[in-house]
Amino acid sequence: FQNVPNDAVIKIFNIRGQHIKTLYHDGNIFDGSVEWDLKTKENMDIAYGVYLYVLESEVGIKKGKIGIIK
């Protein structure tokens, strides 16, 4: 994820709505990127497909989709 506001939280869900992982921006004002290692919160590799994300920050909420191709 790029251009992420400071202190943002990104929640990732599968297409069924099951929570996969939560990512946190470290608050560095010079770096607006957050990396996802493509693993679940149980540290298992994810399957290919479509995932949904919700980015929450003090600026607002952004929702979207991510396609994973392996």
N, C-alpha and C. Protein backbone atom coordinates (compact mmCIF):
# COMPACT_ATOMS: atom_id res chain seq x y z
N PHE A 1 0.86 -1.17 0.00
CA PHE A 1 0.00 0.00 0.00
C PHE A 1 0.90 1.23 0.00
N GLN A 2 0.57 2.20 -0.81
CA GLN A 2 1.36 3.42 -0.90
C GLN A 2 0.49 4.63 -0.60
N ASN A 3 1.16 5.71 -0.21
CA ASN A 3 0.50 6.97 0.14
C ASN A 3 -0.48 6.79 1.29
N VAL A 4 -0.06 6.03 2.29
CA VAL A 4 -0.89 5.75 3.47
C VAL A 4 -0.66 6.87 4.49
N PRO A 5 -1.73 7.45 5.05
CA PRO A 5 -1.57 8.49 6.07
C PRO A 5 -0.91 7.94 7.34
N ASN A 6 -0.36 8.84 8.13
CA ASN A 6 0.27 8.46 9.39
C ASN A 6 -0.73 7.79 10.32
N ASP A 7 -0.25 6.82 11.08
CA ASP A 7 -1.04 6.12 12.10
C ASP A 7 -2.31 5.49 11.53
N ALA A 8 -2.22 4.97 10.32
CA ALA A 8 -3.37 4.30 9.69
C ALA A 8 -3.38 2.82 10.05
N VAL A 9 -4.56 2.22 10.00
CA VAL A 9 -4.74 0.79 10.23
C VAL A 9 -5.40 0.23 8.97
N ILE A 10 -4.83 -0.86 8.45
CA ILE A 10 -5.38 -1.50 7.25
C ILE A 10 -5.83 -2.90 7.64
N LYS A 11 -7.12 -3.17 7.49
CA LYS A 11 -7.67 -4.49 7.78
C LYS A 11 -7.96 -5.19 6.46
N ILE A 12 -7.48 -6.42 6.33
CA ILE A 12 -7.63 -7.18 5.10
C ILE A 12 -8.57 -8.36 5.35
N PHE A 13 -9.52 -8.55 4.43
CA PHE A 13 -10.52 -9.60 4.54
C PHE A 13 -10.53 -10.42 3.26
N ASN A 14 -10.94 -11.69 3.36
CA ASN A 14 -11.15 -12.46 2.14
C ASN A 14 -12.53 -12.11 1.59
N ILE A 15 -12.88 -12.69 0.46
CA ILE A 15 -14.12 -12.33 -0.22
C ILE A 15 -15.36 -12.74 0.59
N ARG A 16 -15.18 -13.68 1.51
CA ARG A 16 -16.28 -14.11 2.39
C ARG A 16 -16.46 -13.18 3.60
N GLY A 17 -15.53 -12.23 3.75
CA GLY A 17 -15.61 -11.31 4.87
C GLY A 17 -14.85 -11.75 6.10
N GLN A 18 -14.08 -12.82 5.99
CA GLN A 18 -13.28 -13.30 7.14
C GLN A 18 -12.02 -12.46 7.26
N HIS A 19 -11.71 -12.04 8.49
CA HIS A 19 -10.53 -11.21 8.73
C HIS A 19 -9.27 -12.02 8.48
N ILE A 20 -8.38 -11.50 7.65
CA ILE A 20 -7.14 -12.19 7.29
C ILE A 20 -5.96 -11.61 8.06
N LYS A 21 -5.81 -10.29 8.06
CA LYS A 21 -4.68 -9.67 8.73
C LYS A 21 -4.94 -8.19 8.94
N THR A 22 -4.29 -7.62 9.95
CA THR A 22 -4.33 -6.19 10.20
C THR A 22 -2.91 -5.65 10.07
N LEU A 23 -2.76 -4.59 9.29
CA LEU A 23 -1.47 -3.94 9.10
C LEU A 23 -1.52 -2.55 9.72
N TYR A 24 -0.39 -2.11 10.26
CA TYR A 24 -0.31 -0.80 10.90
C TYR A 24 0.78 0.04 10.23
N HIS A 25 0.48 1.31 9.99
CA HIS A 25 1.50 2.22 9.50
C HIS A 25 2.34 2.64 10.70
N ASP A 26 3.64 2.69 10.54
CA ASP A 26 4.53 2.97 11.67
C ASP A 26 4.55 4.43 12.10
N GLY A 27 3.87 5.29 11.38
CA GLY A 27 3.81 6.69 11.77
C GLY A 27 4.94 7.52 11.21
N ASN A 28 5.80 6.95 10.38
CA ASN A 28 6.89 7.70 9.77
C ASN A 28 6.31 8.66 8.73
N ILE A 29 6.47 9.96 8.93
CA ILE A 29 5.85 10.93 8.03
C ILE A 29 6.54 11.00 6.67
N PHE A 30 7.74 10.44 6.56
CA PHE A 30 8.47 10.48 5.29
C PHE A 30 8.24 9.25 4.43
N ASP A 31 7.59 8.23 4.98
CA ASP A 31 7.37 6.99 4.23
C ASP A 31 5.90 6.61 4.35
N GLY A 32 5.16 6.74 3.25
CA GLY A 32 3.73 6.45 3.26
C GLY A 32 3.39 5.07 2.75
N SER A 33 4.32 4.12 2.88
CA SER A 33 4.05 2.78 2.36
C SER A 33 3.95 1.76 3.48
N VAL A 34 3.08 0.77 3.26
CA VAL A 34 2.90 -0.35 4.19
C VAL A 34 2.99 -1.63 3.38
N GLU A 35 3.82 -2.56 3.81
CA GLU A 35 4.00 -3.81 3.09
C GLU A 35 3.22 -4.93 3.75
N TRP A 36 2.70 -5.83 2.92
CA TRP A 36 2.00 -7.03 3.39
C TRP A 36 2.81 -8.21 2.90
N ASP A 37 3.17 -9.11 3.79
CA ASP A 37 3.99 -10.27 3.44
C ASP A 37 3.17 -11.41 2.82
N LEU A 38 1.91 -11.15 2.51
CA LEU A 38 0.98 -12.12 1.90
C LEU A 38 0.80 -13.35 2.78
N LYS A 39 0.77 -13.12 4.09
CA LYS A 39 0.50 -14.18 5.06
C LYS A 39 -0.69 -13.77 5.92
N THR A 40 -1.37 -14.77 6.47
CA THR A 40 -2.51 -14.51 7.34
C THR A 40 -2.02 -14.14 8.73
N LYS A 41 -2.95 -13.81 9.60
CA LYS A 41 -2.57 -13.50 10.98
C LYS A 41 -2.04 -14.73 11.70
N GLU A 42 -2.31 -15.93 11.17
CA GLU A 42 -1.76 -17.18 11.72
C GLU A 42 -0.42 -17.54 11.07
N ASN A 43 0.13 -16.62 10.25
CA ASN A 43 1.41 -16.77 9.57
C ASN A 43 1.39 -17.87 8.50
N MET A 44 0.24 -18.10 7.87
CA MET A 44 0.12 -19.06 6.77
C MET A 44 0.05 -18.29 5.46
N ASP A 45 0.57 -18.87 4.38
CA ASP A 45 0.49 -18.24 3.07
C ASP A 45 -0.96 -18.12 2.63
N ILE A 46 -1.29 -16.99 1.98
CA ILE A 46 -2.65 -16.80 1.51
C ILE A 46 -2.83 -17.49 0.16
N ALA A 47 -4.07 -17.72 -0.21
CA ALA A 47 -4.40 -18.28 -1.52
C ALA A 47 -4.55 -17.13 -2.52
N TYR A 48 -4.42 -17.43 -3.81
CA TYR A 48 -4.64 -16.40 -4.81
C TYR A 48 -6.13 -16.07 -4.85
N GLY A 49 -6.43 -14.89 -5.32
CA GLY A 49 -7.82 -14.47 -5.41
C GLY A 49 -8.00 -13.01 -5.09
N VAL A 50 -9.22 -12.63 -4.77
CA VAL A 50 -9.57 -11.24 -4.49
C VAL A 50 -9.70 -11.06 -2.99
N TYR A 51 -9.10 -9.99 -2.49
CA TYR A 51 -9.18 -9.64 -1.08
C TYR A 51 -9.70 -8.22 -0.96
N LEU A 52 -10.37 -7.95 0.13
CA LEU A 52 -10.93 -6.63 0.41
C LEU A 52 -10.10 -5.97 1.50
N TYR A 53 -9.99 -4.65 1.44
CA TYR A 53 -9.28 -3.95 2.51
C TYR A 53 -10.08 -2.74 2.97
N VAL A 54 -9.86 -2.39 4.23
CA VAL A 54 -10.43 -1.18 4.81
C VAL A 54 -9.29 -0.44 5.47
N LEU A 55 -8.99 0.77 4.99
CA LEU A 55 -7.94 1.60 5.55
C LEU A 55 -8.61 2.68 6.38
N GLU A 56 -8.28 2.73 7.66
CA GLU A 56 -8.86 3.72 8.57
C GLU A 56 -7.76 4.62 9.10
N SER A 57 -8.01 5.93 9.05
CA SER A 57 -7.09 6.91 9.62
C SER A 57 -7.88 8.12 10.07
N GLU A 58 -7.18 9.10 10.62
CA GLU A 58 -7.88 10.31 11.04
C GLU A 58 -8.38 11.10 9.83
N VAL A 59 -7.83 10.83 8.65
CA VAL A 59 -8.27 11.50 7.43
C VAL A 59 -9.61 10.96 6.97
N GLY A 60 -9.87 9.66 7.21
CA GLY A 60 -11.12 9.05 6.79
C GLY A 60 -10.96 7.55 6.59
N ILE A 61 -11.92 6.96 5.89
CA ILE A 61 -11.94 5.52 5.63
C ILE A 61 -11.92 5.30 4.13
N LYS A 62 -11.07 4.38 3.69
CA LYS A 62 -10.98 4.01 2.28
C LYS A 62 -11.17 2.50 2.17
N LYS A 63 -12.04 2.06 1.27
CA LYS A 63 -12.30 0.64 1.05
C LYS A 63 -11.91 0.29 -0.38
N GLY A 64 -11.44 -0.94 -0.58
CA GLY A 64 -11.05 -1.34 -1.92
C GLY A 64 -10.83 -2.83 -2.04
N LYS A 65 -10.39 -3.24 -3.23
CA LYS A 65 -10.13 -4.66 -3.53
C LYS A 65 -8.69 -4.81 -3.99
N ILE A 66 -8.13 -6.00 -3.72
CA ILE A 66 -6.79 -6.35 -4.17
C ILE A 66 -6.88 -7.72 -4.84
N GLY A 67 -6.27 -7.84 -6.00
CA GLY A 67 -6.20 -9.13 -6.68
C GLY A 67 -4.82 -9.72 -6.48
N ILE A 68 -4.74 -10.95 -5.98
CA ILE A 68 -3.46 -11.63 -5.74
C ILE A 68 -3.30 -12.72 -6.79
N ILE A 69 -2.22 -12.66 -7.53
CA ILE A 69 -1.91 -13.65 -8.55
C ILE A 69 -0.56 -14.27 -8.18
N LYS A 70 -0.53 -15.58 -8.07
CA LYS A 70 0.74 -16.24 -7.72
C LYS A 70 1.30 -16.96 -8.92
